[in-house]
Protein backbone atom coordinates (compact mmCIF):
# COMPACT_ATOMS: atom_id res chain seq x y z
CA MET A 1 112.86 111.17 71.69
CA ALA A 2 115.43 108.80 73.28
CA GLY A 3 117.11 111.84 74.28
CA VAL A 4 114.33 113.39 76.00
CA THR A 5 113.80 109.78 77.86
CA ALA A 6 117.27 109.97 79.02
CA VAL A 7 116.72 113.81 80.71
CA ILE A 8 113.75 112.83 82.27
CA GLU A 9 115.07 109.66 84.10
CA ASP A 10 118.05 111.07 85.00
CA GLY A 11 117.59 114.99 85.09
CA THR A 12 120.86 116.11 86.52
CA ALA A 13 123.87 117.12 84.22
CA ARG A 14 127.76 116.42 85.23
CA ARG A 15 129.77 119.12 86.47
CA GLY A 16 131.96 120.36 83.32
CA ASP A 17 129.29 119.35 80.67
CA ALA A 18 129.48 122.69 79.13
CA ALA A 19 133.42 123.12 79.90
CA GLU A 20 134.39 121.66 76.21
CA GLY A 21 131.10 122.60 73.92
CA ARG A 22 127.79 122.96 74.10
CA GLU A 23 126.95 119.78 72.33
CA THR A 24 129.20 117.51 74.63
CA LEU A 25 127.21 114.01 75.56
CA GLY A 26 127.97 112.98 78.92
CA ARG A 27 126.64 109.79 80.55
CA ASP A 28 124.79 109.13 83.59
CA VAL A 29 125.29 107.05 86.72
CA LEU A 30 123.93 103.89 84.97
CA GLY A 31 126.02 104.79 81.83
CA ARG A 32 123.50 105.72 79.38
CA ARG A 33 124.62 108.90 77.24
CA LEU A 34 122.85 111.55 77.80
CA PRO A 35 121.64 114.04 75.06
CA PRO A 36 123.19 117.65 74.83
CA LEU A 37 123.22 119.94 77.60
CA LYS A 38 120.43 122.57 76.77
CA GLU A 39 117.81 119.46 76.13
CA ARG A 40 119.11 118.15 79.54
CA LEU A 41 117.92 121.66 81.45
CA TYR A 42 114.74 122.00 79.38
CA PRO A 43 113.53 118.83 77.57
CA PRO A 44 110.44 120.04 75.49
CA MET A 45 106.84 119.94 76.87
CA PRO A 46 104.37 117.81 75.41
CA LYS A 47 102.99 118.85 72.27
CA ASP A 48 99.00 118.34 73.27
CA PHE A 49 98.30 121.07 74.43
CA GLU A 50 94.48 121.28 73.59
CA GLY A 51 94.18 117.23 74.70
CA GLY A 52 96.20 117.70 77.74
CA TRP A 53 93.87 120.72 79.14
CA ILE A 54 90.47 118.42 77.91
CA ALA A 55 92.01 115.07 80.04
CA THR A 56 92.55 117.69 82.79
CA LEU A 57 89.64 119.33 82.98
CA ALA A 58 87.54 115.87 82.63
CA ILE A 59 89.27 114.48 85.79
CA THR A 60 89.12 117.18 87.63
CA ALA A 61 85.00 117.29 86.91
CA LEU A 62 85.07 114.25 88.16
CA ALA A 63 87.00 114.91 91.01
CA GLY A 64 84.32 117.79 91.53
CA PHE A 65 81.20 115.39 90.78
CA LEU A 66 82.48 113.14 93.56
CA ARG A 67 82.62 115.77 96.18
CA PHE A 68 79.99 117.94 95.57
CA TRP A 69 77.40 114.90 95.06
CA ASP A 70 74.94 115.57 97.87
CA LEU A 71 77.33 117.92 100.00
CA GLY A 72 74.96 119.08 102.17
CA ASN A 73 74.21 115.84 103.78
CA PRO A 74 74.19 114.94 106.41
CA VAL A 75 72.48 117.84 108.08
CA LYS A 76 74.54 118.65 111.00
CA PHE A 77 77.46 119.84 112.01
CA VAL A 78 80.36 116.82 111.72
CA PHE A 79 83.21 116.68 113.89
CA ASP A 80 84.94 119.63 114.37
CA GLU A 81 82.80 121.77 112.15
CA THR A 82 81.05 122.82 115.05
CA TYR A 83 83.94 125.03 115.88
CA TYR A 84 85.17 125.84 112.34
CA ALA A 85 82.09 127.02 111.04
CA LYS A 86 80.76 129.14 113.38
CA ASP A 87 84.41 130.64 113.72
CA ALA A 88 84.15 131.61 109.80
CA PHE A 89 80.73 132.77 110.40
CA SER A 90 81.93 135.05 112.75
CA LEU A 91 84.57 136.63 110.88
CA LEU A 92 81.63 136.86 107.97
CA LYS A 93 79.63 138.67 110.58
CA PHE A 94 82.20 140.77 112.86
CA GLY A 95 85.47 140.48 111.25
CA TYR A 96 86.99 138.80 114.39
CA ALA A 97 85.91 135.67 116.41
CA ARG A 98 82.92 135.89 119.06
CA GLN A 99 82.50 133.23 121.65
CA PHE A 100 79.10 131.78 120.86
CA ILE A 101 76.35 130.33 123.51
CA ASP A 102 77.24 126.84 124.77
CA GLN A 103 74.65 126.26 127.15
CA PRO A 104 72.81 123.84 127.37
CA GLU A 105 75.29 121.99 125.41
CA GLY A 106 75.22 121.73 121.65
CA ALA A 107 72.84 124.99 121.49
CA ALA A 108 74.52 127.09 119.37
CA ASP A 109 74.81 124.00 116.62
CA LYS A 110 70.71 123.29 117.35
CA ALA A 111 69.97 126.95 116.97
CA ILE A 112 71.97 127.30 113.72
CA LEU A 113 70.43 123.91 112.12
CA ALA A 114 66.88 125.66 112.72
CA GLY A 115 67.60 128.54 110.94
CA ASN A 116 68.75 130.83 114.02
CA LEU A 117 71.92 132.64 113.63
CA ASP A 118 71.54 134.82 116.85
CA VAL A 119 74.24 132.69 118.70
CA PHE A 120 77.06 134.30 119.55
CA LYS A 121 78.05 136.64 122.29
CA ASP A 122 79.88 140.07 122.75
CA THR A 123 83.09 138.59 123.95
CA PRO A 124 85.82 137.77 121.50
CA SER A 125 87.19 134.20 121.36
CA LEU A 126 90.71 132.63 121.31
CA THR A 127 90.93 130.89 118.01
CA VAL A 128 93.75 128.28 118.27
CA HIS A 129 94.67 128.41 114.38
CA PRO A 130 95.42 131.13 111.77
CA GLU A 131 92.44 132.82 109.71
CA VAL A 132 93.02 131.80 106.27
CA GLY A 133 91.17 128.64 106.24
CA LYS A 134 88.05 130.23 107.94
CA TRP A 135 87.99 133.28 106.08
CA MET A 136 87.68 130.34 103.07
CA ILE A 137 85.17 128.86 104.62
CA ALA A 138 83.15 132.01 105.39
CA ALA A 139 83.11 133.25 101.74
CA GLY A 140 81.02 129.74 100.95
CA GLU A 141 79.03 130.70 103.71
CA GLN A 142 78.66 134.06 102.37
CA LEU A 143 77.37 132.78 98.55
CA PHE A 144 75.22 130.08 99.85
CA GLY A 145 74.54 130.74 103.73
CA MET A 146 75.18 129.79 107.29
CA ASN A 147 73.95 125.71 105.91
CA THR A 148 75.76 122.72 105.63
CA PHE A 149 76.37 123.55 102.06
CA GLY A 150 77.71 126.65 102.48
CA TRP A 151 80.07 125.78 105.00
CA ARG A 152 81.48 122.79 102.99
CA PHE A 153 81.10 124.61 99.83
CA MET A 154 84.79 125.93 99.46
CA PRO A 155 86.25 122.76 101.03
CA ALA A 156 84.92 120.94 98.14
CA LEU A 157 86.01 123.72 95.87
CA PHE A 158 89.68 123.49 96.85
CA GLY A 159 89.47 119.86 97.14
CA THR A 160 88.63 119.50 93.54
CA LEU A 161 90.87 122.49 92.80
CA THR A 162 93.84 120.44 94.27
CA VAL A 163 93.31 117.49 91.86
CA LEU A 164 93.66 120.21 88.61
CA LEU A 165 96.83 121.34 90.03
CA LEU A 166 98.06 117.71 90.76
CA ILE A 167 97.90 116.97 87.39
CA ARG A 168 99.11 119.93 85.63
CA THR A 169 102.13 119.78 88.29
CA VAL A 170 103.12 115.79 87.95
CA ARG A 171 102.55 116.54 83.88
CA ARG A 172 105.39 119.43 84.08
CA MET A 173 107.80 116.78 85.89
CA THR A 174 107.58 114.04 83.75
CA ARG A 175 106.81 115.56 80.20
CA SER A 176 103.90 113.00 80.14
CA THR A 177 100.38 114.09 79.92
CA LEU A 178 99.45 110.25 80.58
CA ILE A 179 101.35 110.33 84.01
CA GLY A 180 99.66 113.51 84.96
CA CYS A 181 96.49 112.05 85.05
CA VAL A 182 96.86 109.19 86.30
CA ALA A 183 98.33 110.91 89.44
CA GLY A 184 95.15 113.41 89.47
CA LEU A 185 92.61 110.31 89.22
CA LEU A 186 94.11 108.60 92.16
CA LEU A 187 94.24 111.78 94.07
CA ALA A 188 89.99 112.02 93.31
CA VAL A 189 89.55 108.61 94.39
CA ASP A 190 91.55 108.77 97.79
CA GLY A 191 89.24 108.39 100.70
CA LEU A 192 90.57 110.39 103.19
CA HIS A 193 91.09 113.25 100.88
CA PHE A 194 87.36 112.99 99.63
CA VAL A 195 86.23 113.04 103.03
CA MET A 196 88.43 116.10 103.45
CA SER A 197 86.99 118.15 101.14
CA ARG A 198 83.69 117.60 102.09
CA VAL A 199 83.96 119.00 105.45
CA ALA A 200 84.35 122.37 107.20
CA LEU A 201 87.95 121.65 108.58
CA LEU A 202 90.75 123.59 107.64
CA ASP A 203 93.39 120.96 106.54
CA ILE A 204 91.67 120.64 102.97
CA PHE A 205 92.94 124.15 102.25
CA LEU A 206 96.62 123.25 104.14
CA ALA A 207 96.94 120.95 101.37
CA PHE A 208 95.74 122.68 98.77
CA TRP A 209 98.38 126.16 99.45
CA LEU A 210 101.15 123.52 99.89
CA VAL A 211 100.54 121.83 96.45
CA ALA A 212 100.20 125.21 94.94
CA ALA A 213 103.49 126.26 96.29
CA VAL A 214 105.29 123.27 95.09
CA SER A 215 103.77 123.53 91.88
CA CYS A 216 105.05 126.87 91.49
CA LEU A 217 108.57 125.82 92.57
CA VAL A 218 108.64 123.15 89.78
CA ALA A 219 107.08 125.99 87.32
CA ASP A 220 110.70 128.14 88.40
CA ARG A 221 112.48 125.00 88.15
CA ASP A 222 111.42 125.05 84.35
CA TRP A 223 111.46 128.72 84.04
CA THR A 224 115.16 129.42 85.16
CA ARG A 225 116.43 126.19 83.59
CA ARG A 226 115.04 127.48 80.38
CA ARG A 227 116.91 130.90 80.54
CA HIS A 228 120.04 129.02 81.51
CA ALA A 229 119.39 126.64 78.36
CA ASP A 230 118.76 129.89 76.17
CA SER A 231 121.74 131.30 77.47
CA LEU A 232 123.93 128.72 75.32
CA ASP A 233 122.86 129.96 72.27
CA ARG A 234 124.60 133.13 72.91
CA PRO A 235 128.14 133.67 71.48
CA VAL A 236 129.70 133.75 74.73
CA PRO A 237 132.82 132.52 75.72
CA ASP A 238 132.81 129.29 77.84
CA GLY A 239 135.12 130.86 80.35
CA GLU A 240 132.93 133.55 80.95
CA ARG A 241 130.06 131.53 81.36
CA ARG A 242 131.78 129.41 83.93
CA THR A 243 132.39 132.42 86.11
CA LEU A 244 129.10 132.66 87.18
CA GLY A 245 126.32 131.37 84.53
CA ARG A 246 122.74 133.53 84.50
CA TRP A 247 121.78 135.60 87.23
CA LEU A 248 118.10 135.85 87.71
CA LEU A 249 117.17 137.69 90.05
CA ILE A 250 113.42 138.48 89.96
CA ARG A 251 111.49 134.97 89.44
CA PRO A 252 107.63 135.56 89.09
CA TRP A 253 107.40 131.63 89.90
CA ARG A 254 109.34 131.60 92.84
CA LEU A 255 106.93 134.93 94.25
CA ALA A 256 104.27 133.13 93.73
CA ALA A 257 105.16 130.30 95.61
CA GLY A 258 105.76 132.79 98.68
CA VAL A 259 102.77 134.08 98.43
CA CYS A 260 101.28 130.48 98.46
CA PHE A 261 103.24 129.21 101.46
CA GLY A 262 102.26 132.30 103.18
CA LEU A 263 98.57 131.42 102.65
CA ALA A 264 99.31 127.62 103.64
CA LEU A 265 100.98 129.12 106.96
CA GLY A 266 98.44 131.45 107.58
CA THR A 267 95.89 128.24 107.35
CA LYS A 268 97.92 126.08 109.60
CA TRP A 269 101.50 126.89 111.52
CA SER A 270 102.58 123.24 110.44
CA ALA A 271 103.50 124.66 107.06
CA VAL A 272 106.51 125.85 108.20
CA TRP A 273 108.58 122.92 108.20
CA VAL A 274 107.29 122.17 104.44
CA ILE A 275 108.93 125.73 103.39
CA ALA A 276 111.82 125.09 105.31
CA GLY A 277 112.26 121.46 103.46
CA PHE A 278 111.33 122.98 99.74
CA GLY A 279 113.75 126.10 100.24
CA LEU A 280 116.67 123.66 100.80
CA LEU A 281 115.28 121.48 97.64
CA THR A 282 114.83 124.73 95.45
CA PHE A 283 118.64 126.03 96.36
CA ALA A 284 119.58 122.27 95.48
CA TRP A 285 118.07 122.82 91.81
CA ASP A 286 119.72 126.14 91.34
CA LEU A 287 123.19 124.87 92.30
CA GLY A 288 122.76 121.40 90.06
CA ALA A 289 122.01 124.03 87.07
CA ARG A 290 124.96 125.99 87.45
CA ARG A 291 127.18 123.15 87.89
CA ALA A 292 125.66 121.58 84.68
CA LEU A 293 126.82 124.99 83.03
CA GLY A 294 130.19 124.17 84.12
CA VAL A 295 130.23 127.27 86.66
CA ARG A 296 133.26 126.89 88.96
CA HIS A 297 132.91 127.25 92.79
CA ALA A 298 129.50 126.70 92.32
CA PHE A 299 128.13 126.21 95.91
CA VAL A 300 129.32 129.38 96.91
CA LYS A 301 128.38 131.36 93.69
CA SER A 302 124.79 129.71 93.77
CA ALA A 303 124.48 130.45 97.52
CA LEU A 304 125.11 134.33 96.90
CA VAL A 305 123.04 134.81 93.24
CA ASP A 306 120.32 132.35 94.08
CA GLY A 307 120.17 131.42 97.94
CA ILE A 308 119.53 135.23 98.96
CA PRO A 309 117.33 135.65 96.76
CA ALA A 310 115.02 132.71 97.40
CA PHE A 311 115.48 133.75 101.15
CA PHE A 312 113.71 136.67 100.13
CA SER A 313 111.20 135.26 97.57
CA LEU A 314 110.06 132.37 99.84
CA VAL A 315 110.85 133.36 103.79
CA LEU A 316 110.19 136.92 103.74
CA VAL A 317 107.49 137.06 100.98
CA ALA A 318 105.72 134.18 103.11
CA LEU A 319 106.44 136.14 106.35
CA VAL A 320 104.74 139.48 104.86
CA THR A 321 101.71 137.34 103.41
CA TYR A 322 101.16 135.73 106.75
CA THR A 323 101.05 138.77 108.56
CA ALA A 324 98.75 140.43 106.16
CA THR A 325 96.18 137.57 106.48
CA TRP A 326 95.88 139.05 109.70
CA THR A 327 94.62 142.14 108.74
CA GLY A 328 91.16 141.54 109.84
CA TRP A 329 92.36 141.31 113.55
CA LEU A 330 94.60 143.89 113.53
CA LEU A 331 91.46 146.13 112.38
CA HIS A 332 89.11 145.15 115.09
CA ASP A 333 89.88 146.40 118.28
CA ASN A 334 87.48 144.16 120.06
CA ALA A 335 89.50 141.21 118.66
CA TYR A 336 90.71 138.63 121.34
CA ASP A 337 93.95 140.03 123.35
CA HIS A 338 93.79 143.36 120.66
CA ASP A 339 94.16 145.58 124.11
CA TYR A 340 97.25 143.52 125.46
CA ALA A 341 99.71 146.14 124.35
CA SER A 342 97.69 148.87 125.83
CA LYS A 343 98.04 147.19 129.10
CA ASN A 344 101.45 146.09 128.93
CA PRO A 345 103.66 148.76 128.43
CA ALA A 346 106.55 147.73 126.34
CA HIS A 347 110.21 147.23 127.45
CA GLY A 348 113.51 147.17 125.73
CA VAL A 349 113.35 146.67 121.83
CA MET A 350 109.73 145.93 121.78
CA LYS A 351 109.39 149.88 122.27
CA VAL A 352 110.25 150.19 118.35
CA VAL A 353 107.00 147.31 117.85
CA PRO A 354 103.91 149.25 116.98
CA ASP A 355 101.28 148.39 119.87
CA ASP A 356 98.94 146.56 117.33
CA PHE A 357 101.66 144.16 116.22
CA ARG A 358 102.92 143.74 119.78
CA SER A 359 99.72 142.37 120.69
CA LEU A 360 99.44 140.19 117.61
CA ILE A 361 102.94 138.52 119.27
CA HIS A 362 101.02 138.08 122.42
CA TYR A 363 98.38 136.58 120.66
CA HIS A 364 100.66 134.02 119.03
CA GLN A 365 102.13 133.08 122.15
CA GLU A 366 98.68 132.69 123.80
CA VAL A 367 98.23 129.70 120.93
CA LEU A 368 101.54 128.61 121.04
CA ALA A 369 101.31 127.94 124.64
CA PHE A 370 97.19 126.14 123.89
CA HIS A 371 99.51 123.83 121.66
CA THR A 372 101.77 122.72 123.81
CA GLY A 373 100.83 123.47 127.27
CA ASP A 374 100.07 120.83 130.03
CA TYR A 375 95.78 120.91 128.94
CA ILE A 376 96.82 119.48 125.37
CA LYS A 377 99.11 117.11 126.60
CA ASN A 378 96.75 115.86 129.65
CA ALA A 379 93.84 115.45 126.82
CA THR A 380 93.00 112.20 125.48
CA HIS A 381 90.78 111.15 122.76
CA PRO A 382 89.21 107.66 121.68
CA TYR A 383 90.44 108.33 117.88
CA ALA A 384 93.89 109.66 118.90
CA SER A 385 96.65 108.13 116.20
CA ASN A 386 100.58 107.79 116.48
CA PRO A 387 102.18 109.29 113.37
CA ALA A 388 104.13 106.13 112.98
CA GLY A 389 100.93 104.85 111.87
CA TRP A 390 99.73 106.90 108.95
CA PRO A 391 101.35 105.32 105.96
CA ILE A 392 99.47 102.20 106.57
CA ILE A 393 96.56 104.15 108.05
CA ALA A 394 96.76 102.20 111.13
CA ARG A 395 94.23 104.30 113.02
CA PRO A 396 91.59 106.18 111.00
CA ILE A 397 88.89 108.54 112.57
CA GLY A 398 85.21 108.91 112.65
CA PHE A 399 84.06 111.81 111.95
CA ASP A 400 79.94 110.92 112.47
CA ALA A 401 78.18 107.74 113.48
CA VAL A 402 74.45 106.97 114.07
CA ASN A 403 74.21 103.59 115.42
CA ASP A 404 71.32 100.94 115.98
CA ILE A 405 69.13 102.05 113.34
CA LYS A 406 66.40 99.74 112.81
CA PRO A 407 65.18 97.88 110.12
CA GLY A 408 62.50 99.63 107.80
CA THR A 409 63.84 103.06 109.44
CA ASN A 410 65.90 105.55 107.33
CA GLY A 411 66.28 103.22 104.51
CA CYS A 412 67.66 100.14 106.86
CA THR A 413 67.22 96.88 104.80
CA ALA A 414 68.64 94.55 107.59
CA PRO A 415 66.93 91.25 108.32
CA ALA A 416 65.16 91.45 111.53
CA GLY A 417 67.35 91.02 114.55
CA THR A 418 70.26 93.13 112.71
CA ASN A 419 70.55 96.95 113.12
CA CYS A 420 72.02 99.28 110.43
CA LEU A 421 74.19 102.29 110.89
CA SER A 422 75.61 105.39 109.39
CA VAL A 423 79.20 106.68 109.50
CA ILE A 424 81.79 109.04 107.77
CA SER A 425 85.29 107.64 108.45
CA ALA A 426 88.36 109.53 107.20
CA LEU A 427 90.10 106.53 105.51
CA GLY A 428 92.27 106.64 102.99
CA THR A 429 91.58 104.32 99.69
CA PRO A 430 93.81 101.10 101.63
CA LEU A 431 95.08 99.78 98.25
CA LEU A 432 96.27 103.52 97.02
CA TRP A 433 98.00 104.06 100.38
CA TRP A 434 99.75 100.74 100.62
CA GLY A 435 101.17 101.20 97.19
CA GLY A 436 101.88 104.71 97.98
CA ALA A 437 103.90 103.37 101.09
CA LEU A 438 105.91 101.44 98.55
CA ALA A 439 106.38 103.78 96.16
CA LEU A 440 107.76 106.51 98.56
CA LEU A 441 110.15 103.98 99.04
CA ALA A 442 111.23 102.98 95.58
CA ALA A 443 110.87 106.92 95.19
CA LEU A 444 114.27 107.52 97.93
CA VAL A 445 115.91 104.76 95.52
CA PHE A 446 115.52 106.59 92.36
CA TRP A 447 116.56 110.06 93.82
CA VAL A 448 119.40 109.11 96.01
CA GLY A 449 120.63 106.36 93.32
CA GLN A 450 119.62 107.45 89.62
CA ARG A 451 119.74 111.41 91.00
CA ASP A 452 116.30 111.67 89.32
CA TRP A 453 115.51 115.09 90.62
CA ARG A 454 111.61 114.21 90.50
CA PHE A 455 111.43 111.92 93.36
CA GLY A 456 112.90 114.50 95.81
CA VAL A 457 109.49 116.59 95.28
CA PRO A 458 107.13 113.77 96.30
CA LEU A 459 109.54 113.02 98.94
CA ILE A 460 110.06 116.17 100.90
CA GLY A 461 106.66 116.81 100.72
CA PHE A 462 105.53 113.73 102.69
CA VAL A 463 108.67 113.94 104.86
CA THR A 464 107.82 117.73 106.08
CA CYS A 465 104.16 116.79 106.29
CA TRP A 466 104.59 113.74 108.64
CA VAL A 467 108.16 113.50 110.55
CA PRO A 468 107.20 116.77 112.42
CA TRP A 469 104.40 115.34 113.80
CA PHE A 470 106.51 112.80 115.67
CA ALA A 471 107.78 115.92 118.25
CA PHE A 472 103.77 115.97 119.18
CA ASP A 473 102.76 112.52 119.77
CA ASP A 474 102.59 113.27 123.68
CA ARG A 475 99.28 115.04 122.89
CA PRO A 476 96.17 113.78 120.82
CA ILE A 477 97.09 113.96 117.08
CA PHE A 478 94.97 112.37 114.41
CA PHE A 479 95.00 110.64 110.99
CA PHE A 480 93.35 113.06 108.95
CA TYR A 481 96.10 115.46 109.48
CA ALA A 482 97.63 113.07 107.17
CA VAL A 483 95.43 114.81 103.98
CA THR A 484 98.56 117.23 103.45
CA MET A 485 100.59 113.67 102.87
CA VAL A 486 97.91 112.33 100.18
CA PRO A 487 98.94 114.66 97.30
CA PHE A 488 102.79 113.95 97.45
CA THR A 489 101.83 110.40 98.21
CA VAL A 490 99.78 110.15 94.77
CA MET A 491 102.73 112.14 92.71
CA ALA A 492 105.30 109.23 93.86
CA LEU A 493 103.32 106.95 93.09
CA ALA A 494 102.19 107.88 89.93
CA LEU A 495 106.17 108.88 89.39
CA VAL A 496 106.89 105.14 90.00
CA LEU A 497 103.70 104.09 87.66
CA GLY A 498 105.39 106.14 84.81
CA LYS A 499 108.36 103.97 85.71
CA ILE A 500 106.63 100.75 85.00
CA LEU A 501 104.90 101.87 82.03
CA GLY A 502 108.06 102.52 80.29
CA PRO A 503 108.63 104.89 77.00
CA ALA A 504 105.98 104.37 74.39
CA ARG A 505 108.82 103.85 71.56
CA THR A 506 112.59 102.41 71.70
CA ALA A 507 115.89 104.26 70.79
CA LEU A 508 115.30 103.23 67.49
CA GLY A 509 111.46 104.57 66.99
CA GLN A 510 109.78 101.37 67.19
CA ALA A 511 106.79 100.56 69.21
CA SER A 512 108.30 99.50 72.61
CA PRO A 513 107.09 95.94 73.69
CA ARG A 514 107.22 96.94 77.10
CA ARG A 515 104.93 99.40 77.01
CA LEU A 516 101.97 96.59 76.34
CA VAL A 517 102.72 95.01 79.78
CA GLY A 518 103.73 97.84 81.57
CA SER A 519 100.16 99.54 80.46
CA ALA A 520 98.08 96.41 81.77
CA VAL A 521 100.04 96.49 85.12
CA VAL A 522 99.48 100.25 85.55
CA GLY A 523 96.05 99.93 84.06
CA ALA A 524 94.95 96.78 86.92
CA PHE A 525 96.12 98.99 89.29
CA VAL A 526 94.46 102.32 88.53
CA VAL A 527 91.21 100.16 88.40
CA LEU A 528 91.59 98.08 91.79
CA VAL A 529 91.97 101.48 93.56
CA VAL A 530 89.29 102.77 91.55
CA LEU A 531 86.96 99.57 92.82
CA ASN A 532 88.52 100.02 96.49
CA PHE A 533 87.41 103.74 96.64
CA ALA A 534 83.91 102.59 95.05
CA TYR A 535 83.81 99.95 98.12
CA ILE A 536 84.84 102.23 100.99
CA TRP A 537 82.17 104.72 99.64
CA PRO A 538 79.08 104.12 102.08
CA ILE A 539 81.58 104.45 105.11
CA LEU A 540 82.68 107.90 103.68
CA THR A 541 79.32 109.16 102.81
CA ASP A 542 77.03 108.52 105.78
CA LYS A 543 75.21 106.01 104.06
CA VAL A 544 72.86 103.38 105.87
CA LEU A 545 74.38 100.21 105.88
CA PRO A 546 73.53 96.63 108.00
CA HIS A 547 75.86 95.81 110.75
CA PRO A 548 77.34 93.25 109.19
CA ASP A 549 77.82 95.22 105.69
CA TRP A 550 80.05 97.78 107.90
CA LEU A 551 82.00 95.36 109.33
CA GLN A 552 83.28 94.08 106.15
CA ARG A 553 84.88 97.26 105.60
CA MET A 554 86.67 97.82 108.79
CA TRP A 555 89.52 95.29 107.71
CA PHE A 556 91.49 95.67 111.08
CA LYS A 557 90.01 96.04 114.89
CA SER A 558 91.94 99.38 114.90
CA TRP A 559 89.53 100.81 112.36
CA ILE A 560 86.43 100.40 114.57
């Protein structure tokens, strides 16, 4: 067990460990003795398979209960639901997006809420995001109708499934069911993730597909290293092993990651940065495994036998998957810009591109022009938020608000002279976010200083979901985009809490006294986060509150 703990904390073998024999014990950067190479390549998984799944499903059920409770309220279009819910229904009804009636203002929304779904014009609509997220919303509308529960069903479902994925991913990374469950519980009670799971916007689907892709890459790391470890049992001369190592061309988990990345890209283009970041990280993992095996000139050889196949498995599979998500647009001649190629003859190399795809390329140019053009740059919004403040919740966003509710109306219990209000604030659970910001700094130390590979996962995820937005801070951008950062923040926090928790037993097999103290610290933090979530619950769920009670939850002026 002590050896397993060592590999979990270090995770990277040193060059040449395999050169002198399979059982050679090296030392990590802190001078600690490392277990045998085979155990370092693939530490055993926890033996509580059934118990691990029971705990996972229990926390997932809690997350689902929170997200589905009273999901249909408020009975209105909340924030950008007015676009995505209708676009999704248009895809479901016509196969492509159509414009909807807009005169008088809000006419389409009022008609739909009254049960009249005949709100679409005959003209196609330019939608400025890909279609995967809208098709997912449409699935809920198909199941439950074009109503608030119908268009919020799939966000709630996939927000819940993200909790399940995070638990299993962190469990695999740490070989600890407890730490995996801590991660899932923390995500279940994050305010921003909770709110985004209860509104029909695209970002919760983007977060899900990104976590799914990363989960597949972590599983692929285990899959490949287990095969490398198994190869150590075969009677192969060390010199032959050091020539190249095992060539693993077809890697199912990495192919699955490519599909998930393609679906993420088909939800929002911002996924491209995450694909790039994790593409480099997975190559570093492969390179580390070959160095651990003692492969000479490992960088060049890993680039050939791991890097090139990874490009095909991740980048090309993601691109093919992304293109496939536009099938509906390609099959409908009436879709926006579908006739571009027929009106504009091709020149040069574009002559070899089929007209449908040439029109699709032009459509993408139109969307890119929208996101980068003067129109969007000159726009303003009262809830615009600079990404520099996202990690500390400097400027959350209000999705809905009803002010000046009189005492005795709609459940308002305010005393005479004071009104009530009901709001939906996309606000992260403060203690979780602030603790997560510190955990991310600690993660950098553990990753760079101790070469603990696990901490690279949340850091790459967080950075690639956050830093690219600084290039677009000349246009209105919003805090709710940070929902993709939340699972990686929680992952870093869970890993740091695991460090605080410490091993259950000492190297001599005795109960660790540090564990008692670590359990108290970790337990107290988790309880405080849950209580913090409960405290802000009313402003996440549109509950009617007296104005003073609402102000008590607005800890900073920038939150109002």
